N, C-alpha and C. Protein backbone atom coordinates (compact mmCIF):
# COMPACT_ATOMS: atom_id res chain seq x y z
N MET A 1 -5.19 32.72 77.19
CA MET A 1 -6.46 32.39 76.58
C MET A 1 -6.47 32.90 75.15
N ASP A 2 -6.96 32.10 74.24
CA ASP A 2 -7.07 32.51 72.84
C ASP A 2 -8.19 33.53 72.67
N THR A 3 -7.98 34.45 71.73
CA THR A 3 -9.03 35.40 71.40
C THR A 3 -10.03 34.74 70.45
N ALA A 4 -11.20 35.30 70.36
CA ALA A 4 -12.22 34.76 69.46
C ALA A 4 -11.75 34.82 68.01
N SER A 5 -11.02 35.88 67.64
CA SER A 5 -10.54 35.98 66.25
C SER A 5 -9.49 34.90 65.95
N ARG A 6 -8.65 34.55 66.92
CA ARG A 6 -7.67 33.48 66.72
C ARG A 6 -8.39 32.15 66.56
N ILE A 7 -9.37 31.90 67.41
CA ILE A 7 -10.15 30.66 67.33
C ILE A 7 -10.87 30.59 65.99
N PHE A 8 -11.43 31.70 65.55
CA PHE A 8 -12.12 31.76 64.27
C PHE A 8 -11.17 31.41 63.13
N THR A 9 -9.96 32.00 63.13
CA THR A 9 -8.97 31.74 62.08
C THR A 9 -8.54 30.28 62.08
N LYS A 10 -8.30 29.72 63.27
CA LYS A 10 -7.94 28.31 63.37
C LYS A 10 -9.07 27.44 62.82
N SER A 11 -10.30 27.81 63.11
CA SER A 11 -11.46 27.05 62.64
C SER A 11 -11.53 27.07 61.12
N VAL A 12 -11.30 28.23 60.52
CA VAL A 12 -11.37 28.36 59.06
C VAL A 12 -10.29 27.51 58.39
N THR A 13 -9.04 27.62 58.86
CA THR A 13 -7.97 26.86 58.22
C THR A 13 -8.18 25.36 58.38
N TRP A 14 -8.68 24.95 59.52
CA TRP A 14 -8.98 23.53 59.76
C TRP A 14 -10.05 23.05 58.79
N GLN A 15 -11.07 23.85 58.60
CA GLN A 15 -12.17 23.44 57.73
C GLN A 15 -11.79 23.43 56.27
N VAL A 16 -10.90 24.31 55.85
CA VAL A 16 -10.42 24.29 54.46
C VAL A 16 -9.70 22.97 54.18
N MET A 17 -8.86 22.56 55.12
CA MET A 17 -8.18 21.27 54.95
C MET A 17 -9.20 20.13 54.94
N GLY A 18 -10.17 20.22 55.82
CA GLY A 18 -11.21 19.19 55.87
C GLY A 18 -12.05 19.15 54.61
N LEU A 19 -12.31 20.31 54.02
CA LEU A 19 -13.11 20.39 52.79
C LEU A 19 -12.43 19.60 51.67
N PHE A 20 -11.14 19.80 51.52
CA PHE A 20 -10.41 19.07 50.48
C PHE A 20 -10.40 17.57 50.74
N SER A 21 -10.13 17.18 51.97
CA SER A 21 -10.07 15.75 52.26
C SER A 21 -11.45 15.09 52.13
N MET A 22 -12.50 15.78 52.57
CA MET A 22 -13.85 15.21 52.46
C MET A 22 -14.31 15.14 51.00
N THR A 23 -13.92 16.11 50.18
CA THR A 23 -14.25 16.04 48.76
C THR A 23 -13.60 14.82 48.13
N LEU A 24 -12.35 14.57 48.46
CA LEU A 24 -11.65 13.39 47.94
C LEU A 24 -12.32 12.10 48.42
N ILE A 25 -12.64 12.02 49.69
CA ILE A 25 -13.31 10.83 50.23
C ILE A 25 -14.68 10.65 49.58
N GLY A 26 -15.44 11.75 49.46
CA GLY A 26 -16.75 11.68 48.81
C GLY A 26 -16.65 11.23 47.38
N PHE A 27 -15.63 11.70 46.66
CA PHE A 27 -15.41 11.28 45.28
C PHE A 27 -15.09 9.79 45.20
N VAL A 28 -14.24 9.31 46.10
CA VAL A 28 -13.87 7.88 46.10
C VAL A 28 -15.10 7.01 46.31
N PHE A 29 -15.99 7.42 47.21
CA PHE A 29 -17.16 6.60 47.51
C PHE A 29 -18.31 6.75 46.51
N THR A 30 -18.44 7.94 45.90
CA THR A 30 -19.58 8.16 45.01
C THR A 30 -19.20 8.17 43.53
N GLY A 31 -17.93 8.42 43.22
CA GLY A 31 -17.50 8.53 41.83
C GLY A 31 -17.88 9.87 41.21
N SER A 32 -18.40 10.79 42.02
CA SER A 32 -18.83 12.08 41.52
C SER A 32 -18.17 13.20 42.34
N VAL A 33 -17.48 14.10 41.63
CA VAL A 33 -16.88 15.24 42.32
C VAL A 33 -17.97 16.16 42.85
N THR A 34 -19.05 16.32 42.10
CA THR A 34 -20.14 17.19 42.52
C THR A 34 -20.79 16.67 43.79
N LEU A 35 -21.14 15.40 43.82
CA LEU A 35 -21.76 14.82 45.01
C LEU A 35 -20.78 14.80 46.17
N GLY A 36 -19.54 14.43 45.90
CA GLY A 36 -18.51 14.44 46.94
C GLY A 36 -18.29 15.83 47.49
N GLY A 37 -18.29 16.82 46.61
CA GLY A 37 -18.14 18.22 47.04
C GLY A 37 -19.32 18.69 47.87
N GLY A 38 -20.52 18.28 47.49
CA GLY A 38 -21.72 18.64 48.27
C GLY A 38 -21.67 18.07 49.68
N ILE A 39 -21.26 16.82 49.76
CA ILE A 39 -21.11 16.18 51.08
C ILE A 39 -20.05 16.94 51.88
N ALA A 40 -18.95 17.29 51.23
CA ALA A 40 -17.86 17.99 51.90
C ALA A 40 -18.29 19.37 52.40
N ILE A 41 -19.08 20.08 51.61
CA ILE A 41 -19.52 21.42 52.01
C ILE A 41 -20.43 21.34 53.23
N VAL A 42 -21.39 20.44 53.22
CA VAL A 42 -22.29 20.28 54.38
C VAL A 42 -21.48 19.89 55.61
N SER A 43 -20.56 18.96 55.43
CA SER A 43 -19.71 18.51 56.53
C SER A 43 -18.85 19.66 57.05
N SER A 44 -18.31 20.48 56.16
CA SER A 44 -17.46 21.59 56.57
C SER A 44 -18.24 22.65 57.34
N ILE A 45 -19.42 22.96 56.89
CA ILE A 45 -20.23 23.97 57.58
C ILE A 45 -20.56 23.50 59.00
N LEU A 46 -21.02 22.28 59.11
CA LEU A 46 -21.35 21.75 60.44
C LEU A 46 -20.09 21.60 61.30
N GLY A 47 -19.02 21.09 60.69
CA GLY A 47 -17.78 20.94 61.43
C GLY A 47 -17.23 22.26 61.92
N PHE A 48 -17.32 23.30 61.09
CA PHE A 48 -16.85 24.63 61.48
C PHE A 48 -17.62 25.15 62.69
N ILE A 49 -18.92 25.06 62.63
CA ILE A 49 -19.76 25.55 63.73
C ILE A 49 -19.43 24.82 65.03
N PHE A 50 -19.36 23.50 64.96
CA PHE A 50 -19.11 22.73 66.18
C PHE A 50 -17.68 22.90 66.68
N TYR A 51 -16.70 23.02 65.78
CA TYR A 51 -15.32 23.24 66.22
C TYR A 51 -15.19 24.60 66.90
N PHE A 52 -15.79 25.62 66.33
CA PHE A 52 -15.73 26.96 66.93
C PHE A 52 -16.35 26.96 68.32
N LEU A 53 -17.53 26.36 68.44
CA LEU A 53 -18.18 26.29 69.76
C LEU A 53 -17.33 25.49 70.74
N HIS A 54 -16.77 24.39 70.28
CA HIS A 54 -15.90 23.56 71.11
C HIS A 54 -14.70 24.35 71.63
N GLU A 55 -14.05 25.12 70.75
CA GLU A 55 -12.91 25.94 71.15
C GLU A 55 -13.32 27.05 72.12
N MET A 56 -14.48 27.66 71.91
CA MET A 56 -14.95 28.71 72.81
C MET A 56 -15.17 28.15 74.22
N VAL A 57 -15.76 26.98 74.31
CA VAL A 57 -15.98 26.35 75.61
C VAL A 57 -14.64 26.03 76.27
N TRP A 58 -13.73 25.40 75.53
CA TRP A 58 -12.45 25.00 76.09
C TRP A 58 -11.58 26.20 76.46
N SER A 59 -11.74 27.36 75.81
CA SER A 59 -10.94 28.51 76.22
C SER A 59 -11.31 29.01 77.60
N ASN A 60 -12.47 28.63 78.09
CA ASN A 60 -12.90 29.05 79.42
C ASN A 60 -12.64 27.99 80.49
N ILE A 61 -12.09 26.86 80.11
CA ILE A 61 -11.80 25.80 81.07
C ILE A 61 -10.32 25.87 81.44
N GLN A 62 -10.04 25.99 82.71
CA GLN A 62 -8.66 26.13 83.17
C GLN A 62 -7.94 24.80 83.35
N TRP A 63 -8.65 23.71 83.40
CA TRP A 63 -8.07 22.40 83.62
C TRP A 63 -6.96 22.10 82.61
N GLY A 64 -5.82 21.65 83.11
CA GLY A 64 -4.73 21.24 82.24
C GLY A 64 -3.83 22.36 81.77
N ARG A 65 -4.11 23.59 82.15
CA ARG A 65 -3.27 24.71 81.74
C ARG A 65 -2.24 24.98 82.82
N LYS A 66 -1.06 25.33 82.37
CA LYS A 66 -0.02 25.75 83.30
C LYS A 66 -0.13 27.26 83.45
N ILE A 67 -0.14 27.71 84.68
CA ILE A 67 -0.21 29.15 84.93
C ILE A 67 1.21 29.69 84.95
N THR A 68 1.47 30.63 84.05
CA THR A 68 2.77 31.29 84.01
C THR A 68 2.63 32.65 84.66
N GLU A 69 3.74 33.28 84.96
CA GLU A 69 3.70 34.60 85.58
C GLU A 69 3.00 35.61 84.69
N THR A 70 3.23 35.53 83.37
CA THR A 70 2.58 36.43 82.42
C THR A 70 1.07 36.24 82.46
N ASN A 71 0.60 34.99 82.46
CA ASN A 71 -0.84 34.73 82.52
C ASN A 71 -1.42 35.22 83.83
N ALA A 72 -0.72 35.03 84.93
CA ALA A 72 -1.22 35.47 86.23
C ALA A 72 -1.35 36.98 86.27
N GLN A 73 -0.39 37.71 85.67
CA GLN A 73 -0.47 39.17 85.62
C GLN A 73 -1.66 39.61 84.77
N GLN A 74 -1.90 38.94 83.65
CA GLN A 74 -3.03 39.29 82.78
C GLN A 74 -4.34 39.04 83.49
N ASP A 75 -4.44 37.94 84.26
CA ASP A 75 -5.66 37.63 84.98
C ASP A 75 -5.97 38.69 86.02
N THR A 76 -4.99 39.23 86.67
CA THR A 76 -5.24 40.23 87.70
C THR A 76 -5.64 41.57 87.09
N ARG A 77 -5.24 41.84 85.84
CA ARG A 77 -5.63 43.08 85.16
C ARG A 77 -7.05 43.04 84.63
N ASN A 78 -7.58 41.87 84.37
CA ASN A 78 -8.93 41.75 83.77
C ASN A 78 -10.00 41.79 84.80
């Protein structure tokens, strides 16, 4: 299971990449870096929050995970 700090770090790096791509897309559609950047910032903030929550929920779902001996030992210790 991922730790909250790992999920947080993954969320931040994902959103940084998204911020750049959304700024470019916003610029292409509006012709303004400022307006495109504003759209990108709002999108990044909302995307970050929802991605983090999505990851937190999925870290608690066991479906689709392979149980290894190491994971089984960790589960019995917790």
